[in-house]
């Protein structure tokens, strides 16, 4: 991406020039790049990837600034990486096998959530609703409903995977948590 001063002899420029260049502001600078035709593949695999990213992203939006989870993530994120991307990376690395995203890994994680004990499953659902998470589904790829509780579970898996907090319950896999651990996780997100 080229950085430009006074693009098109103006103070700033935005938009597409023919089908060749795009001018836009980025991080306080005016930049120009080659125009690329947008594509939105709606393959099955792309639907799974988008469902995973969307689910973890919905949870990340509910993590309050100044919360225990936020503070730990910002303290542990590598230089040059923002805290929310660092947490998302924790979940996505669990879904990658041999360098590729695998749909089976995603469905296995959903099945793992669904097989939690009744009281723990209820705790994830209740706390997710209290945080304001809502169910969603895509119309391609993974088309089943992804419950709000599952999104909160994904967040717990991300925190565990990144080892940002080394005390209980975060030092154990959320698949083995008790309902009180889920309650603590919700509180630590606020």
C-alpha atoms as a PDB file:
ATOM      1  CA  UNK A   1       0.000   0.000   0.000  1.00  0.00           C
ATOM      2  CA  UNK A   2       1.439   3.342  -1.001  1.00  0.00           C
ATOM      3  CA  UNK A   3       1.336   6.326   1.323  1.00  0.00           C
ATOM      4  CA  UNK A   4       0.565   9.577  -0.401  1.00  0.00           C
ATOM      5  CA  UNK A   5       0.680  13.264   0.457  1.00  0.00           C
ATOM      6  CA  UNK A   6      -1.920  15.485  -1.155  1.00  0.00           C
ATOM      7  CA  UNK A   7      -3.507  12.745  -3.297  1.00  0.00           C
ATOM      8  CA  UNK A   8      -4.910  14.050  -6.555  1.00  0.00           C
ATOM      9  CA  UNK A   9      -3.549  17.459  -5.495  1.00  0.00           C
ATOM     10  CA  UNK A  10      -6.108  17.728  -2.721  1.00  0.00           C
ATOM     11  CA  UNK A  11      -5.957  17.625   1.058  1.00  0.00           C
ATOM     12  CA  UNK A  12      -7.655  14.251   1.090  1.00  0.00           C
ATOM     13  CA  UNK A  13      -9.288  11.863  -1.322  1.00  0.00           C
ATOM     14  CA  UNK A  14     -11.698   8.997  -0.860  1.00  0.00           C
ATOM     15  CA  UNK A  15     -13.111   6.490  -3.252  1.00  0.00           C
ATOM     16  CA  UNK A  16     -12.329   4.557  -6.381  1.00  0.00           C
ATOM     17  CA  UNK A  17     -10.682   5.965  -9.484  1.00  0.00           C
ATOM     18  CA  UNK A  18     -11.884   3.907 -12.457  1.00  0.00           C
ATOM     19  CA  UNK A  19     -11.179   0.267 -11.722  1.00  0.00           C
ATOM     20  CA  UNK A  20      -7.541   0.975 -10.924  1.00  0.00           C
ATOM     21  CA  UNK A  21      -6.972   2.844  -7.651  1.00  0.00           C
ATOM     22  CA  UNK A  22      -8.722   3.378  -4.320  1.00  0.00           C
ATOM     23  CA  UNK A  23      -7.976   6.385  -2.118  1.00  0.00           C
ATOM     24  CA  UNK A  24      -8.888   6.300   1.582  1.00  0.00           C
ATOM     25  CA  UNK A  25      -7.751   7.474   5.017  1.00  0.00           C
ATOM     26  CA  UNK A  26      -5.981   4.859   7.134  1.00  0.00           C
ATOM     27  CA  UNK A  27      -4.574   5.448  10.618  1.00  0.00           C
ATOM     28  CA  UNK A  28      -4.635   9.196  10.093  1.00  0.00           C
ATOM     29  CA  UNK A  29      -2.897   9.126   6.714  1.00  0.00           C
ATOM     30  CA  UNK A  30      -4.186   9.353   3.191  1.00  0.00           C
ATOM     31  CA  UNK A  31      -3.298   6.198   1.312  1.00  0.00           C
ATOM     32  CA  UNK A  32      -3.858   4.713  -2.104  1.00  0.00           C
ATOM     33  CA  UNK A  33      -3.888   1.095  -3.183  1.00  0.00           C
ATOM     34  CA  UNK A  34      -4.748  -0.957  -6.211  1.00  0.00           C
ATOM     35  CA  UNK A  35      -8.463  -1.635  -6.591  1.00  0.00           C
ATOM     36  CA  UNK A  36      -9.426  -5.269  -6.166  1.00  0.00           C
ATOM     37  CA  UNK A  37     -12.784  -6.628  -7.172  1.00  0.00           C
ATOM     38  CA  UNK A  38     -14.500  -7.690  -3.932  1.00  0.00           C
ATOM     39  CA  UNK A  39     -15.359 -11.351  -3.670  1.00  0.00           C
ATOM     40  CA  UNK A  40     -17.570 -13.042  -1.150  1.00  0.00           C
ATOM     41  CA  UNK A  41     -17.209 -16.774  -1.622  1.00  0.00           C
ATOM     42  CA  UNK A  42     -20.035 -18.603   0.039  1.00  0.00           C
ATOM     43  CA  UNK A  43     -18.403 -21.996   0.166  1.00  0.00           C
ATOM     44  CA  UNK A  44     -19.119 -24.423   2.968  1.00  0.00           C
ATOM     45  CA  UNK A  45     -15.641 -23.963   4.448  1.00  0.00           C
ATOM     46  CA  UNK A  46     -15.920 -20.163   4.281  1.00  0.00           C
ATOM     47  CA  UNK A  47     -19.252 -20.405   6.111  1.00  0.00           C
ATOM     48  CA  UNK A  48     -17.615 -22.377   8.909  1.00  0.00           C
ATOM     49  CA  UNK A  49     -14.741 -19.912   9.201  1.00  0.00           C
ATOM     50  CA  UNK A  50     -17.126 -16.953   9.277  1.00  0.00           C
ATOM     51  CA  UNK A  51     -19.321 -18.649  11.889  1.00  0.00           C
ATOM     52  CA  UNK A  52     -16.298 -19.241  14.139  1.00  0.00           C
ATOM     53  CA  UNK A  53     -14.956 -15.704  13.763  1.00  0.00           C
ATOM     54  CA  UNK A  54     -18.415 -14.174  14.183  1.00  0.00           C
ATOM     55  CA  UNK A  55     -19.121 -16.232  17.314  1.00  0.00           C
ATOM     56  CA  UNK A  56     -15.878 -15.313  19.064  1.00  0.00           C
ATOM     57  CA  UNK A  57     -16.220 -11.714  17.882  1.00  0.00           C
ATOM     58  CA  UNK A  58     -19.674 -11.402  19.417  1.00  0.00           C
ATOM     59  CA  UNK A  59     -18.237 -12.490  22.772  1.00  0.00           C
ATOM     60  CA  UNK A  60     -15.218 -10.166  22.498  1.00  0.00           C
ATOM     61  CA  UNK A  61     -17.605  -7.216  22.032  1.00  0.00           C
ATOM     62  CA  UNK A  62     -19.088  -8.005  25.455  1.00  0.00           C
ATOM     63  CA  UNK A  63     -15.733  -7.948  27.276  1.00  0.00           C
ATOM     64  CA  UNK A  64     -15.743  -4.651  29.140  1.00  0.00           C
ATOM     65  CA  UNK A  65     -12.795  -2.312  29.113  1.00  0.00           C
ATOM     66  CA  UNK A  66     -11.103  -2.570  32.496  1.00  0.00           C
ATOM     67  CA  UNK A  67     -12.466  -6.049  33.212  1.00  0.00           C
ATOM     68  CA  UNK A  68     -10.210  -8.862  34.429  1.00  0.00           C
ATOM     69  CA  UNK A  69     -10.271 -10.556  31.017  1.00  0.00           C
ATOM     70  CA  UNK A  70      -9.561  -7.292  29.177  1.00  0.00           C
ATOM     71  CA  UNK A  71      -6.668  -6.399  31.493  1.00  0.00           C
ATOM     72  CA  UNK A  72      -5.104  -9.853  31.177  1.00  0.00           C
ATOM     73  CA  UNK A  73      -5.487  -9.887  27.393  1.00  0.00           C
ATOM     74  CA  UNK A  74      -3.939  -6.438  26.937  1.00  0.00           C
ATOM     75  CA  UNK A  75      -1.062  -7.355  29.254  1.00  0.00           C
ATOM     76  CA  UNK A  76      -0.328 -10.611  27.395  1.00  0.00           C
ATOM     77  CA  UNK A  77      -0.933  -9.631  23.768  1.00  0.00           C
ATOM     78  CA  UNK A  78       2.318  -9.540  21.798  1.00  0.00           C
ATOM     79  CA  UNK A  79       3.640  -6.189  20.629  1.00  0.00           C
ATOM     80  CA  UNK A  80       1.791  -5.060  17.535  1.00  0.00           C
ATOM     81  CA  UNK A  81      -1.280  -7.206  18.171  1.00  0.00           C
ATOM     82  CA  UNK A  82      -4.463  -5.844  19.718  1.00  0.00           C
ATOM     83  CA  UNK A  83      -6.033  -7.645  22.671  1.00  0.00           C
ATOM     84  CA  UNK A  84      -9.213  -8.750  20.896  1.00  0.00           C
ATOM     85  CA  UNK A  85      -7.337 -10.266  17.958  1.00  0.00           C
ATOM     86  CA  UNK A  86      -5.100 -12.042  20.446  1.00  0.00           C
ATOM     87  CA  UNK A  87      -8.124 -13.628  22.134  1.00  0.00           C
ATOM     88  CA  UNK A  88      -9.685 -14.603  18.794  1.00  0.00           C
ATOM     89  CA  UNK A  89      -6.402 -16.202  17.793  1.00  0.00           C
ATOM     90  CA  UNK A  90      -6.669 -18.408  20.881  1.00  0.00           C
ATOM     91  CA  UNK A  91      -9.867 -19.995  19.651  1.00  0.00           C
ATOM     92  CA  UNK A  92      -8.895 -20.147  15.986  1.00  0.00           C
ATOM     93  CA  UNK A  93      -5.631 -21.968  16.698  1.00  0.00           C
ATOM     94  CA  UNK A  94      -7.705 -24.733  18.285  1.00  0.00           C
ATOM     95  CA  UNK A  95      -9.678 -25.033  15.052  1.00  0.00           C
ATOM     96  CA  UNK A  96      -6.647 -25.269  12.770  1.00  0.00           C
ATOM     97  CA  UNK A  97      -5.135 -28.646  12.031  1.00  0.00           C
ATOM     98  CA  UNK A  98      -2.046 -29.014   9.865  1.00  0.00           C
ATOM     99  CA  UNK A  99      -2.191 -25.339   8.891  1.00  0.00           C
ATOM    100  CA  UNK A 100      -5.780 -25.479   7.609  1.00  0.00           C
ATOM    101  CA  UNK A 101      -9.112 -24.681   9.210  1.00  0.00           C
ATOM    102  CA  UNK A 102     -11.063 -27.919   9.536  1.00  0.00           C
ATOM    103  CA  UNK A 103     -14.851 -28.032   9.633  1.00  0.00           C
ATOM    104  CA  UNK A 104     -14.629 -31.144  11.810  1.00  0.00           C
ATOM    105  CA  UNK A 105     -12.709 -29.180  14.460  1.00  0.00           C
ATOM    106  CA  UNK A 106     -15.480 -26.596  14.556  1.00  0.00           C
ATOM    107  CA  UNK A 107     -18.279 -29.147  14.840  1.00  0.00           C
ATOM    108  CA  UNK A 108     -16.286 -31.044  17.481  1.00  0.00           C
ATOM    109  CA  UNK A 109     -16.072 -27.855  19.546  1.00  0.00           C
ATOM    110  CA  UNK A 110     -19.829 -27.323  19.173  1.00  0.00           C
ATOM    111  CA  UNK A 111     -20.417 -30.959  20.204  1.00  0.00           C
ATOM    112  CA  UNK A 112     -18.083 -30.509  23.187  1.00  0.00           C
ATOM    113  CA  UNK A 113     -20.176 -27.550  24.328  1.00  0.00           C
ATOM    114  CA  UNK A 114     -23.430 -29.452  23.809  1.00  0.00           C
ATOM    115  CA  UNK A 115     -22.199 -32.388  25.898  1.00  0.00           C
ATOM    116  CA  UNK A 116     -21.439 -30.326  29.011  1.00  0.00           C
ATOM    117  CA  UNK A 117     -23.326 -31.254  32.160  1.00  0.00           C
ATOM    118  CA  UNK A 118     -26.815 -29.808  32.513  1.00  0.00           C
ATOM    119  CA  UNK A 119     -25.910 -27.335  35.276  1.00  0.00           C
ATOM    120  CA  UNK A 120     -22.800 -26.089  33.418  1.00  0.00           C
ATOM    121  CA  UNK A 121     -24.687 -25.802  30.134  1.00  0.00           C
ATOM    122  CA  UNK A 122     -27.418 -23.834  31.904  1.00  0.00           C
ATOM    123  CA  UNK A 123     -24.777 -21.585  33.491  1.00  0.00           C
ATOM    124  CA  UNK A 124     -23.233 -20.813  30.073  1.00  0.00           C
ATOM    125  CA  UNK A 125     -26.664 -20.074  28.571  1.00  0.00           C
ATOM    126  CA  UNK A 126     -27.835 -17.898  31.476  1.00  0.00           C
ATOM    127  CA  UNK A 127     -24.598 -15.929  31.773  1.00  0.00           C
ATOM    128  CA  UNK A 128     -24.427 -15.416  28.009  1.00  0.00           C
ATOM    129  CA  UNK A 129     -27.956 -14.023  28.017  1.00  0.00           C
ATOM    130  CA  UNK A 130     -27.059 -11.759  30.959  1.00  0.00           C
ATOM    131  CA  UNK A 131     -24.080 -10.439  28.991  1.00  0.00           C
ATOM    132  CA  UNK A 132     -26.385  -9.662  26.064  1.00  0.00           C
ATOM    133  CA  UNK A 133     -25.266 -12.388  23.657  1.00  0.00           C
ATOM    134  CA  UNK A 134     -27.905 -13.742  21.266  1.00  0.00           C
ATOM    135  CA  UNK A 135     -28.153 -16.845  19.094  1.00  0.00           C
ATOM    136  CA  UNK A 136     -27.354 -16.612  15.381  1.00  0.00           C
ATOM    137  CA  UNK A 137     -27.114 -18.791  12.276  1.00  0.00           C
ATOM    138  CA  UNK A 138     -25.720 -18.372   8.758  1.00  0.00           C
ATOM    139  CA  UNK A 139     -27.550 -19.389   5.604  1.00  0.00           C
ATOM    140  CA  UNK A 140     -24.522 -21.209   4.162  1.00  0.00           C
ATOM    141  CA  UNK A 141     -21.660 -23.280   5.511  1.00  0.00           C
ATOM    142  CA  UNK A 142     -22.463 -24.057   9.132  1.00  0.00           C
ATOM    143  CA  UNK A 143     -26.198 -23.368   9.088  1.00  0.00           C
ATOM    144  CA  UNK A 144     -27.128 -24.652  12.552  1.00  0.00           C
ATOM    145  CA  UNK A 145     -27.990 -22.197  15.296  1.00  0.00           C
ATOM    146  CA  UNK A 146     -25.002 -21.125  17.398  1.00  0.00           C
ATOM    147  CA  UNK A 147     -26.384 -20.466  20.857  1.00  0.00           C
ATOM    148  CA  UNK A 148     -25.363 -17.500  22.982  1.00  0.00           C
ATOM    149  CA  UNK A 149     -24.018 -19.927  25.574  1.00  0.00           C
ATOM    150  CA  UNK A 150     -21.789 -21.519  22.946  1.00  0.00           C
ATOM    151  CA  UNK A 151     -20.350 -18.107  22.096  1.00  0.00           C
ATOM    152  CA  UNK A 152     -19.497 -17.588  25.773  1.00  0.00           C
ATOM    153  CA  UNK A 153     -17.956 -21.070  25.792  1.00  0.00           C
ATOM    154  CA  UNK A 154     -15.805 -20.099  22.806  1.00  0.00           C
ATOM    155  CA  UNK A 155     -14.604 -17.106  24.822  1.00  0.00           C
ATOM    156  CA  UNK A 156     -13.710 -19.349  27.744  1.00  0.00           C
ATOM    157  CA  UNK A 157     -11.801 -21.656  25.390  1.00  0.00           C
ATOM    158  CA  UNK A 158      -9.913 -18.658  23.972  1.00  0.00           C
ATOM    159  CA  UNK A 159      -8.889 -17.420  27.418  1.00  0.00           C
ATOM    160  CA  UNK A 160      -7.766 -20.931  28.356  1.00  0.00           C
ATOM    161  CA  UNK A 161      -5.873 -21.431  25.075  1.00  0.00           C
ATOM    162  CA  UNK A 162      -3.940 -18.179  25.441  1.00  0.00           C
ATOM    163  CA  UNK A 163      -3.137 -18.805  29.145  1.00  0.00           C
ATOM    164  CA  UNK A 164      -3.664 -15.129  29.937  1.00  0.00           C
ATOM    165  CA  UNK A 165      -4.771 -15.933  33.490  1.00  0.00           C
ATOM    166  CA  UNK A 166      -2.999 -18.729  35.332  1.00  0.00           C
ATOM    167  CA  UNK A 167      -5.339 -19.037  38.324  1.00  0.00           C
ATOM    168  CA  UNK A 168      -8.440 -21.207  38.655  1.00  0.00           C
ATOM    169  CA  UNK A 169     -10.651 -21.740  36.742  1.00  0.00           C
ATOM    170  CA  UNK A 170      -8.694 -20.414  33.764  1.00  0.00           C
ATOM    171  CA  UNK A 171      -5.862 -22.910  34.150  1.00  0.00           C
ATOM    172  CA  UNK A 172      -8.235 -25.782  33.312  1.00  0.00           C
ATOM    173  CA  UNK A 173     -10.111 -26.544  30.105  1.00  0.00           C
ATOM    174  CA  UNK A 174     -13.637 -25.033  30.212  1.00  0.00           C
ATOM    175  CA  UNK A 175     -14.978 -28.481  29.290  1.00  0.00           C
ATOM    176  CA  UNK A 176     -14.278 -29.450  32.911  1.00  0.00           C
ATOM    177  CA  UNK A 177     -15.585 -26.282  34.583  1.00  0.00           C
ATOM    178  CA  UNK A 178     -18.333 -26.206  37.199  1.00  0.00           C
ATOM    179  CA  UNK A 179     -21.273 -23.799  37.039  1.00  0.00           C
ATOM    180  CA  UNK A 180     -19.576 -21.517  39.602  1.00  0.00           C
ATOM    181  CA  UNK A 181     -16.549 -21.250  37.278  1.00  0.00           C
ATOM    182  CA  UNK A 182     -18.819 -20.076  34.475  1.00  0.00           C
ATOM    183  CA  UNK A 183     -20.338 -17.487  36.823  1.00  0.00           C
ATOM    184  CA  UNK A 184     -16.836 -16.217  37.681  1.00  0.00           C
ATOM    185  CA  UNK A 185     -15.921 -16.042  33.994  1.00  0.00           C
ATOM    186  CA  UNK A 186     -18.992 -13.921  33.250  1.00  0.00           C
ATOM    187  CA  UNK A 187     -18.121 -11.602  36.156  1.00  0.00           C
ATOM    188  CA  UNK A 188     -14.525 -11.333  34.919  1.00  0.00           C
ATOM    189  CA  UNK A 189     -15.823 -10.279  31.492  1.00  0.00           C
ATOM    190  CA  UNK A 190     -17.747  -7.332  32.967  1.00  0.00           C
END
